[in-house]
Amino acid sequence: MISLRVVIVEDEPVSARNLAYLLQKLNGQIEIVASVGSVAEAAVWFAEPENKHDLVFMDIRLADGISFDIFKQVHITKPVIFVTAYNDYAIQAFKNNGIDYILKPFDDTEVQQALDKFSRLTGLAGEGYVSNLEGLIDQLSIGSKQFKKSFLVHFRNKLIPVETAKIAWFYTANELVYANTTDGRQYVVDFTMEQLENQLDDNQFFRANRQFIINRKEITEVEFYFNARLLVKMKPETSERVIISKARTPEFKNWMNR
């Protein structure tokens, strides 16, 4: 009888044992070939070519980080069914990419459905599946992206750190980019506005126009302006008007309503 070789990546020993028991109860052909409990341990296990497996059950949140980090270190070619206690942003991504997930605490029906889905996927395992998995990891990594918490800025003949949360807005003029803080100070930063957009949390900062990136917390009011545009008032006050164009007004309103 050919066994189904399963790896469990789970940092909670009780959850790992419960899942192993449930899997073997549902399918007598399942063999638990390994149970690892961290990103570091998993990366080492999957890197060894002699460690053969057919399917992975992988918790998203591990003691030493997010399990997506494993994929940055090793190339996993077999199907992965993710496990999470959080019914959050990730769930829709799993569905969109055709990879299943199960929620803690484990449910017999959910685990069986995940195994059934694996059976349907086995014919797709290969380069097509790997590409699909890599697309999933890229999509989910957006949700766990690490944004800059501080900037090293020029001040006289020094470089000093300024917390991102204390920056009211970024402003560009004469090919320089400035960070203006909540206490009214202004510093030069060594980034373009486009680079800043990729490093700032877009739940907190918004690219208002070509000149301004603004911090949500420092908006005092928004006024209707000429030609269906919006005028954003900030604290401290900006030296130039912060205008949201008619085309970007819907996006700005959606951002403010998050």
C-alpha atoms as a PDB file:
ATOM      1  CA  MET A   1       0.000   0.000   0.000  1.00  0.00           C
ATOM      2  CA  ILE A   2       1.374   3.413  -0.994  1.00  0.00           C
ATOM      3  CA  SER A   3       1.355   5.845   1.898  1.00  0.00           C
ATOM      4  CA  LEU A   4       0.645   9.564   1.709  1.00  0.00           C
ATOM      5  CA  ARG A   5       3.666  11.294   3.289  1.00  0.00           C
ATOM      6  CA  VAL A   6       2.647  14.398   5.249  1.00  0.00           C
ATOM      7  CA  VAL A   7       4.738  17.086   6.928  1.00  0.00           C
ATOM      8  CA  ILE A   8       3.202  19.198   9.697  1.00  0.00           C
ATOM      9  CA  VAL A   9       4.618  22.676  10.335  1.00  0.00           C
ATOM     10  CA  GLU A  10       3.092  23.785  13.629  1.00  0.00           C
ATOM     11  CA  ASP A  11       4.613  25.452  16.694  1.00  0.00           C
ATOM     12  CA  GLU A  12       1.961  24.258  19.155  1.00  0.00           C
ATOM     13  CA  PRO A  13       2.730  20.618  20.092  1.00  0.00           C
ATOM     14  CA  VAL A  14      -0.857  19.868  21.118  1.00  0.00           C
ATOM     15  CA  SER A  15      -2.230  21.210  17.810  1.00  0.00           C
ATOM     16  CA  ALA A  16       0.385  19.234  15.882  1.00  0.00           C
ATOM     17  CA  ARG A  17      -0.540  16.006  17.683  1.00  0.00           C
ATOM     18  CA  ASN A  18      -4.263  16.620  17.239  1.00  0.00           C
ATOM     19  CA  LEU A  19      -3.841  17.251  13.521  1.00  0.00           C
ATOM     20  CA  ALA A  20      -1.654  14.164  13.088  1.00  0.00           C
ATOM     21  CA  TYR A  21      -4.221  12.031  14.915  1.00  0.00           C
ATOM     22  CA  LEU A  22      -7.106  13.424  12.883  1.00  0.00           C
ATOM     23  CA  LEU A  23      -5.317  12.947   9.565  1.00  0.00           C
ATOM     24  CA  GLN A  24      -4.476   9.324  10.297  1.00  0.00           C
ATOM     25  CA  LYS A  25      -8.000   8.675  11.541  1.00  0.00           C
ATOM     26  CA  LEU A  26      -9.460  10.038   8.296  1.00  0.00           C
ATOM     27  CA  ASN A  27      -6.962   8.305   6.030  1.00  0.00           C
ATOM     28  CA  GLY A  28      -5.128   5.166   7.138  1.00  0.00           C
ATOM     29  CA  GLN A  29      -2.607   5.628   4.324  1.00  0.00           C
ATOM     30  CA  ILE A  30      -1.244   8.863   5.796  1.00  0.00           C
ATOM     31  CA  GLU A  31       2.246   8.740   7.271  1.00  0.00           C
ATOM     32  CA  ILE A  32       3.460  11.734   9.291  1.00  0.00           C
ATOM     33  CA  VAL A  33       7.071  11.902   8.147  1.00  0.00           C
ATOM     34  CA  ALA A  34       7.957  15.056  10.101  1.00  0.00           C
ATOM     35  CA  SER A  35       6.521  17.604  12.495  1.00  0.00           C
ATOM     36  CA  VAL A  36       8.529  20.824  12.769  1.00  0.00           C
ATOM     37  CA  GLY A  37       7.760  23.846  14.882  1.00  0.00           C
ATOM     38  CA  SER A  38       9.496  26.909  13.488  1.00  0.00           C
ATOM     39  CA  VAL A  39      10.466  28.766  10.326  1.00  0.00           C
ATOM     40  CA  ALA A  40      14.137  27.936  10.909  1.00  0.00           C
ATOM     41  CA  GLU A  41      13.500  24.237  11.553  1.00  0.00           C
ATOM     42  CA  ALA A  42      11.203  23.937   8.540  1.00  0.00           C
ATOM     43  CA  ALA A  43      13.705  25.634   6.233  1.00  0.00           C
ATOM     44  CA  VAL A  44      16.373  23.125   7.275  1.00  0.00           C
ATOM     45  CA  TRP A  45      14.046  20.137   6.833  1.00  0.00           C
ATOM     46  CA  PHE A  46      12.785  21.123   3.369  1.00  0.00           C
ATOM     47  CA  ALA A  47      16.327  21.925   2.205  1.00  0.00           C
ATOM     48  CA  GLU A  48      17.391  18.284   2.637  1.00  0.00           C
ATOM     49  CA  PRO A  49      16.753  16.443  -0.656  1.00  0.00           C
ATOM     50  CA  GLU A  50      16.408  13.065   1.101  1.00  0.00           C
ATOM     51  CA  ASN A  51      13.410  14.312   3.087  1.00  0.00           C
ATOM     52  CA  LYS A  52      10.585  13.120   0.844  1.00  0.00           C
ATOM     53  CA  HIS A  53       6.988  14.207   1.269  1.00  0.00           C
ATOM     54  CA  ASP A  54       3.741  14.526  -0.686  1.00  0.00           C
ATOM     55  CA  LEU A  55       1.739  17.128   1.221  1.00  0.00           C
ATOM     56  CA  VAL A  56       2.357  19.856   3.811  1.00  0.00           C
ATOM     57  CA  PHE A  57       0.035  21.184   6.500  1.00  0.00           C
ATOM     58  CA  MET A  58       1.522  24.533   7.513  1.00  0.00           C
ATOM     59  CA  ASP A  59       0.469  26.952  10.247  1.00  0.00           C
ATOM     60  CA  ILE A  60       0.720  30.577   9.112  1.00  0.00           C
ATOM     61  CA  ARG A  61       1.898  32.120  12.383  1.00  0.00           C
ATOM     62  CA  LEU A  62       4.884  30.398  13.960  1.00  0.00           C
ATOM     63  CA  ALA A  63       6.866  31.261  17.066  1.00  0.00           C
ATOM     64  CA  ASP A  64       9.774  32.744  15.097  1.00  0.00           C
ATOM     65  CA  GLY A  65       7.819  34.438  12.321  1.00  0.00           C
ATOM     66  CA  ILE A  66       5.346  34.003   9.476  1.00  0.00           C
ATOM     67  CA  SER A  67       5.509  30.709   7.597  1.00  0.00           C
ATOM     68  CA  PHE A  68       5.674  32.568   4.266  1.00  0.00           C
ATOM     69  CA  ASP A  69       9.304  33.282   5.193  1.00  0.00           C
ATOM     70  CA  ILE A  70      10.051  29.584   4.683  1.00  0.00           C
ATOM     71  CA  PHE A  71       9.379  29.974   0.962  1.00  0.00           C
ATOM     72  CA  LYS A  72      11.982  32.723   0.765  1.00  0.00           C
ATOM     73  CA  GLN A  73      14.635  30.282   1.962  1.00  0.00           C
ATOM     74  CA  VAL A  74      13.733  27.000   0.246  1.00  0.00           C
ATOM     75  CA  HIS A  75      11.870  25.866  -2.862  1.00  0.00           C
ATOM     76  CA  ILE A  76       8.810  23.809  -1.894  1.00  0.00           C
ATOM     77  CA  THR A  77       7.285  21.967  -4.825  1.00  0.00           C
ATOM     78  CA  LYS A  78       4.567  19.941  -3.091  1.00  0.00           C
ATOM     79  CA  PRO A  79       1.037  21.123  -2.273  1.00  0.00           C
ATOM     80  CA  VAL A  80       0.590  23.108   0.928  1.00  0.00           C
ATOM     81  CA  ILE A  81      -2.601  23.344   2.977  1.00  0.00           C
ATOM     82  CA  PHE A  82      -2.334  26.286   5.315  1.00  0.00           C
ATOM     83  CA  VAL A  83      -3.603  26.282   8.881  1.00  0.00           C
ATOM     84  CA  THR A  84      -4.707  29.410  10.719  1.00  0.00           C
ATOM     85  CA  ALA A  85      -6.605  30.469  13.802  1.00  0.00           C
ATOM     86  CA  TYR A  86      -7.389  33.783  12.150  1.00  0.00           C
ATOM     87  CA  ASN A  87     -10.204  34.126   9.640  1.00  0.00           C
ATOM     88  CA  ASP A  88      -8.592  37.221   8.168  1.00  0.00           C
ATOM     89  CA  TYR A  89      -7.346  38.777   4.898  1.00  0.00           C
ATOM     90  CA  ALA A  90      -5.583  35.593   3.878  1.00  0.00           C
ATOM     91  CA  ILE A  91      -8.689  33.510   3.432  1.00  0.00           C
ATOM     92  CA  GLN A  92      -9.873  35.048   0.165  1.00  0.00           C
ATOM     93  CA  ALA A  93      -6.367  34.780  -1.230  1.00  0.00           C
ATOM     94  CA  PHE A  94      -6.362  31.043  -0.570  1.00  0.00           C
ATOM     95  CA  LYS A  95      -9.627  30.644  -2.428  1.00  0.00           C
ATOM     96  CA  ASN A  96      -8.494  32.769  -5.364  1.00  0.00           C
ATOM     97  CA  ASN A  97      -5.341  30.705  -5.810  1.00  0.00           C
ATOM     98  CA  GLY A  98      -6.991  27.309  -5.547  1.00  0.00           C
ATOM     99  CA  ILE A  99      -5.150  26.231  -2.365  1.00  0.00           C
ATOM    100  CA  ASP A 100      -7.115  25.171   0.676  1.00  0.00           C
ATOM    101  CA  TYR A 101      -6.878  26.167   4.307  1.00  0.00           C
ATOM    102  CA  ILE A 102      -8.282  24.897   7.591  1.00  0.00           C
ATOM    103  CA  LEU A 103      -9.195  26.887  10.670  1.00  0.00           C
ATOM    104  CA  LYS A 104      -8.296  26.025  14.240  1.00  0.00           C
ATOM    105  CA  PRO A 105      -9.701  24.252  16.160  1.00  0.00           C
ATOM    106  CA  PHE A 106      -9.597  21.426  13.632  1.00  0.00           C
ATOM    107  CA  ASP A 107     -12.853  20.049  12.336  1.00  0.00           C
ATOM    108  CA  ASP A 108     -13.167  16.545  10.845  1.00  0.00           C
ATOM    109  CA  THR A 109     -15.178  17.782   7.893  1.00  0.00           C
ATOM    110  CA  GLU A 110     -12.798  20.629   7.070  1.00  0.00           C
ATOM    111  CA  VAL A 111      -9.736  18.392   7.234  1.00  0.00           C
ATOM    112  CA  GLN A 112     -11.433  15.792   5.041  1.00  0.00           C
ATOM    113  CA  GLN A 113     -12.380  18.457   2.501  1.00  0.00           C
ATOM    114  CA  ALA A 114      -8.779  19.659   2.478  1.00  0.00           C
ATOM    115  CA  LEU A 115      -7.559  16.111   1.808  1.00  0.00           C
ATOM    116  CA  ASP A 116     -10.125  15.731  -0.971  1.00  0.00           C
ATOM    117  CA  LYS A 117      -8.901  18.955  -2.513  1.00  0.00           C
ATOM    118  CA  PHE A 118      -5.350  17.654  -2.349  1.00  0.00           C
ATOM    119  CA  SER A 119      -6.450  14.593  -4.324  1.00  0.00           C
ATOM    120  CA  ARG A 120      -7.778  16.872  -7.039  1.00  0.00           C
ATOM    121  CA  LEU A 121      -4.556  18.901  -7.008  1.00  0.00           C
ATOM    122  CA  THR A 122      -2.176  15.975  -7.350  1.00  0.00           C
ATOM    123  CA  GLY A 123      -2.604  16.005 -11.096  1.00  0.00           C
ATOM    124  CA  LEU A 124      -1.525  19.648 -11.098  1.00  0.00           C
ATOM    125  CA  ALA A 125       1.504  19.250  -8.855  1.00  0.00           C
ATOM    126  CA  GLY A 126       4.528  20.356 -10.832  1.00  0.00           C
ATOM    127  CA  GLU A 127       5.617  23.614 -12.409  1.00  0.00           C
ATOM    128  CA  GLY A 128       2.056  24.835 -12.826  1.00  0.00           C
ATOM    129  CA  TYR A 129       1.314  24.212  -9.186  1.00  0.00           C
ATOM    130  CA  VAL A 130       4.596  25.757  -8.062  1.00  0.00           C
ATOM    131  CA  SER A 131       3.823  28.906 -10.023  1.00  0.00           C
ATOM    132  CA  ASN A 132       0.393  29.026  -8.402  1.00  0.00           C
ATOM    133  CA  LEU A 133       1.903  28.629  -4.941  1.00  0.00           C
ATOM    134  CA  GLU A 134       4.485  31.322  -5.575  1.00  0.00           C
ATOM    135  CA  GLY A 135       1.703  33.653  -6.672  1.00  0.00           C
ATOM    136  CA  LEU A 136      -0.116  32.967  -3.420  1.00  0.00           C
ATOM    137  CA  ILE A 137       2.962  33.722  -1.325  1.00  0.00           C
ATOM    138  CA  ASP A 138       3.515  36.999  -3.181  1.00  0.00           C
ATOM    139  CA  GLN A 139      -0.103  37.982  -2.621  1.00  0.00           C
ATOM    140  CA  LEU A 140      -0.105  37.120   1.069  1.00  0.00           C
ATOM    141  CA  SER A 141       3.259  38.749   1.665  1.00  0.00           C
ATOM    142  CA  ILE A 142       1.608  42.073   0.872  1.00  0.00           C
ATOM    143  CA  GLY A 143      -0.516  41.618   3.932  1.00  0.00           C
ATOM    144  CA  SER A 144       2.511  40.914   6.133  1.00  0.00           C
ATOM    145  CA  LYS A 145       4.784  43.492   4.541  1.00  0.00           C
ATOM    146  CA  GLN A 146       7.069  45.347   6.932  1.00  0.00           C
ATOM    147  CA  PHE A 147       6.840  49.117   6.551  1.00  0.00           C
ATOM    148  CA  LYS A 148       9.487  51.630   7.581  1.00  0.00           C
ATOM    149  CA  LYS A 149       9.197  52.606  11.216  1.00  0.00           C
ATOM    150  CA  SER A 150      11.735  55.417  11.015  1.00  0.00           C
ATOM    151  CA  PHE A 151      13.802  57.455   8.565  1.00  0.00           C
ATOM    152  CA  LEU A 152      17.398  58.593   8.851  1.00  0.00           C
ATOM    153  CA  VAL A 153      17.280  62.282   7.959  1.00  0.00           C
ATOM    154  CA  HIS A 154      19.778  65.105   7.490  1.00  0.00           C
ATOM    155  CA  PHE A 155      20.002  67.640  10.306  1.00  0.00           C
ATOM    156  CA  ARG A 156      22.807  70.191  10.093  1.00  0.00           C
ATOM    157  CA  ASN A 157      25.961  68.075   9.917  1.00  0.00           C
ATOM    158  CA  LYS A 158      24.309  64.999  11.363  1.00  0.00           C
ATOM    159  CA  LEU A 159      21.987  62.150  10.518  1.00  0.00           C
ATOM    160  CA  ILE A 160      19.197  61.550  13.019  1.00  0.00           C
ATOM    161  CA  PRO A 161      16.341  59.019  13.153  1.00  0.00           C
ATOM    162  CA  VAL A 162      12.763  60.291  12.896  1.00  0.00           C
ATOM    163  CA  GLU A 163       9.833  57.990  13.647  1.00  0.00           C
ATOM    164  CA  THR A 164       7.508  57.526  10.674  1.00  0.00           C
ATOM    165  CA  ALA A 165       4.471  58.015  12.913  1.00  0.00           C
ATOM    166  CA  LYS A 166       5.707  61.533  13.741  1.00  0.00           C
ATOM    167  CA  ILE A 167       5.856  62.618  10.083  1.00  0.00           C
ATOM    168  CA  ALA A 168       2.796  64.678   9.131  1.00  0.00           C
ATOM    169  CA  TRP A 169       3.558  64.749   5.417  1.00  0.00           C
ATOM    170  CA  PHE A 170       6.252  64.346   2.800  1.00  0.00           C
ATOM    171  CA  TYR A 171       6.736  67.127   0.273  1.00  0.00           C
ATOM    172  CA  THR A 172       8.862  67.445  -2.831  1.00  0.00           C
ATOM    173  CA  ALA A 173      10.222  70.624  -4.412  1.00  0.00           C
ATOM    174  CA  ASN A 174      13.295  71.510  -6.483  1.00  0.00           C
ATOM    175  CA  GLU A 175      14.217  67.816  -6.817  1.00  0.00           C
ATOM    176  CA  LEU A 176      14.434  67.371  -3.038  1.00  0.00           C
ATOM    177  CA  VAL A 177      12.054  65.451  -0.758  1.00  0.00           C
ATOM    178  CA  TYR A 178      11.273  66.740   2.716  1.00  0.00           C
ATOM    179  CA  ALA A 179       9.747  65.078   5.748  1.00  0.00           C
ATOM    180  CA  ASN A 180       7.658  67.503   7.793  1.00  0.00           C
ATOM    181  CA  THR A 181       7.044  66.374  11.358  1.00  0.00           C
ATOM    182  CA  THR A 182       4.125  66.888  13.697  1.00  0.00           C
ATOM    183  CA  ASP A 183       6.188  69.349  15.768  1.00  0.00           C
ATOM    184  CA  GLY A 184       6.755  71.611  12.752  1.00  0.00           C
ATOM    185  CA  ARG A 185      10.272  70.548  11.783  1.00  0.00           C
ATOM    186  CA  GLN A 186      11.432  69.832   8.235  1.00  0.00           C
ATOM    187  CA  TYR A 187      14.153  67.400   7.158  1.00  0.00           C
ATOM    188  CA  VAL A 188      15.583  66.221   3.832  1.00  0.00           C
ATOM    189  CA  VAL A 189      15.190  62.488   3.135  1.00  0.00           C
ATOM    190  CA  ASP A 190      17.169  60.435   0.629  1.00  0.00           C
ATOM    191  CA  PHE A 191      14.177  58.910  -1.160  1.00  0.00           C
ATOM    192  CA  THR A 192      12.015  59.793  -4.125  1.00  0.00           C
ATOM    193  CA  MET A 193       8.265  60.102  -3.637  1.00  0.00           C
ATOM    194  CA  GLU A 194       7.801  56.861  -5.574  1.00  0.00           C
ATOM    195  CA  GLN A 195      10.207  55.031  -3.274  1.00  0.00           C
ATOM    196  CA  LEU A 196       8.389  56.402  -0.247  1.00  0.00           C
ATOM    197  CA  GLU A 197       5.075  55.084  -1.535  1.00  0.00           C
ATOM    198  CA  ASN A 198       6.511  51.551  -1.480  1.00  0.00           C
ATOM    199  CA  GLN A 199       7.898  51.938   2.045  1.00  0.00           C
ATOM    200  CA  LEU A 200       4.946  53.550   3.797  1.00  0.00           C
ATOM    201  CA  ASP A 201       1.840  51.848   5.162  1.00  0.00           C
ATOM    202  CA  ASP A 202      -0.902  52.821   2.728  1.00  0.00           C
ATOM    203  CA  ASN A 203      -3.440  52.573   5.534  1.00  0.00           C
ATOM    204  CA  GLN A 204      -1.642  55.496   7.166  1.00  0.00           C
ATOM    205  CA  PHE A 205      -0.209  57.508   4.250  1.00  0.00           C
ATOM    206  CA  PHE A 206      -1.783  58.655   0.991  1.00  0.00           C
ATOM    207  CA  ARG A 207      -0.188  60.082  -2.151  1.00  0.00           C
ATOM    208  CA  ALA A 208      -2.354  63.165  -2.461  1.00  0.00           C
ATOM    209  CA  ASN A 209      -0.681  64.484  -5.617  1.00  0.00           C
ATOM    210  CA  ARG A 210       2.748  64.804  -7.194  1.00  0.00           C
ATOM    211  CA  GLN A 211       4.001  66.976  -4.334  1.00  0.00           C
ATOM    212  CA  PHE A 212       2.434  65.530  -1.164  1.00  0.00           C
ATOM    213  CA  ILE A 213       2.180  62.244   0.711  1.00  0.00           C
ATOM    214  CA  ILE A 214       0.017  62.868   3.774  1.00  0.00           C
ATOM    215  CA  ASN A 215      -0.493  61.177   7.135  1.00  0.00           C
ATOM    216  CA  ARG A 216      -4.121  60.327   7.918  1.00  0.00           C
ATOM    217  CA  LYS A 217      -3.740  61.251  11.602  1.00  0.00           C
ATOM    218  CA  GLU A 218      -2.708  64.816  10.782  1.00  0.00           C
ATOM    219  CA  ILE A 219      -5.704  65.665   8.565  1.00  0.00           C
ATOM    220  CA  THR A 220      -7.915  68.195  10.325  1.00  0.00           C
ATOM    221  CA  GLU A 221     -10.617  68.647   7.676  1.00  0.00           C
ATOM    222  CA  VAL A 222     -11.389  68.255   3.986  1.00  0.00           C
ATOM    223  CA  GLU A 223     -13.159  70.964   1.980  1.00  0.00           C
ATOM    224  CA  PHE A 224     -14.845  70.868  -1.401  1.00  0.00           C
ATOM    225  CA  TYR A 225     -12.733  72.797  -3.898  1.00  0.00           C
ATOM    226  CA  PHE A 226     -13.076  74.066  -7.475  1.00  0.00           C
ATOM    227  CA  ASN A 227     -13.873  71.634 -10.300  1.00  0.00           C
ATOM    228  CA  ALA A 228     -14.945  68.769  -8.037  1.00  0.00           C
ATOM    229  CA  ARG A 229     -11.569  68.643  -6.306  1.00  0.00           C
ATOM    230  CA  LEU A 230     -10.864  68.433  -2.570  1.00  0.00           C
ATOM    231  CA  LEU A 231      -8.748  70.664  -0.358  1.00  0.00           C
ATOM    232  CA  VAL A 232      -7.097  68.844   2.548  1.00  0.00           C
ATOM    233  CA  LYS A 233      -6.196  70.802   5.687  1.00  0.00           C
ATOM    234  CA  MET A 234      -3.280  69.477   7.718  1.00  0.00           C
ATOM    235  CA  LYS A 235      -1.654  70.130  11.062  1.00  0.00           C
ATOM    236  CA  PRO A 236       0.769  71.739  11.132  1.00  0.00           C
ATOM    237  CA  GLU A 237      -0.445  73.819   8.182  1.00  0.00           C
ATOM    238  CA  THR A 238       1.279  73.179   4.871  1.00  0.00           C
ATOM    239  CA  SER A 239       3.012  75.991   2.985  1.00  0.00           C
ATOM    240  CA  GLU A 240       1.081  75.041  -0.174  1.00  0.00           C
ATOM    241  CA  ARG A 241      -2.447  73.759  -0.660  1.00  0.00           C
ATOM    242  CA  VAL A 242      -2.916  69.987  -0.623  1.00  0.00           C
ATOM    243  CA  ILE A 243      -5.318  69.376  -3.508  1.00  0.00           C
ATOM    244  CA  ILE A 244      -6.894  66.036  -4.392  1.00  0.00           C
ATOM    245  CA  SER A 245      -7.773  65.910  -8.079  1.00  0.00           C
ATOM    246  CA  LYS A 246     -11.247  65.031  -9.309  1.00  0.00           C
ATOM    247  CA  ALA A 247      -9.925  61.723 -10.665  1.00  0.00           C
ATOM    248  CA  ARG A 248      -8.392  60.734  -7.320  1.00  0.00           C
ATOM    249  CA  THR A 249     -11.242  61.929  -5.114  1.00  0.00           C
ATOM    250  CA  PRO A 250     -13.062  58.539  -5.005  1.00  0.00           C
ATOM    251  CA  GLU A 251      -9.833  56.752  -4.037  1.00  0.00           C
ATOM    252  CA  PHE A 252      -9.130  59.319  -1.333  1.00  0.00           C
ATOM    253  CA  LYS A 253     -12.641  59.002   0.096  1.00  0.00           C
ATOM    254  CA  ASN A 254     -12.333  55.197   0.181  1.00  0.00           C
ATOM    255  CA  TRP A 255      -8.988  55.544   1.964  1.00  0.00           C
ATOM    256  CA  MET A 256     -10.440  57.905   4.556  1.00  0.00           C
ATOM    257  CA  ASN A 257     -13.351  55.509   5.150  1.00  0.00           C
ATOM    258  CA  ARG A 258     -11.187  52.476   5.892  1.00  0.00           C
END
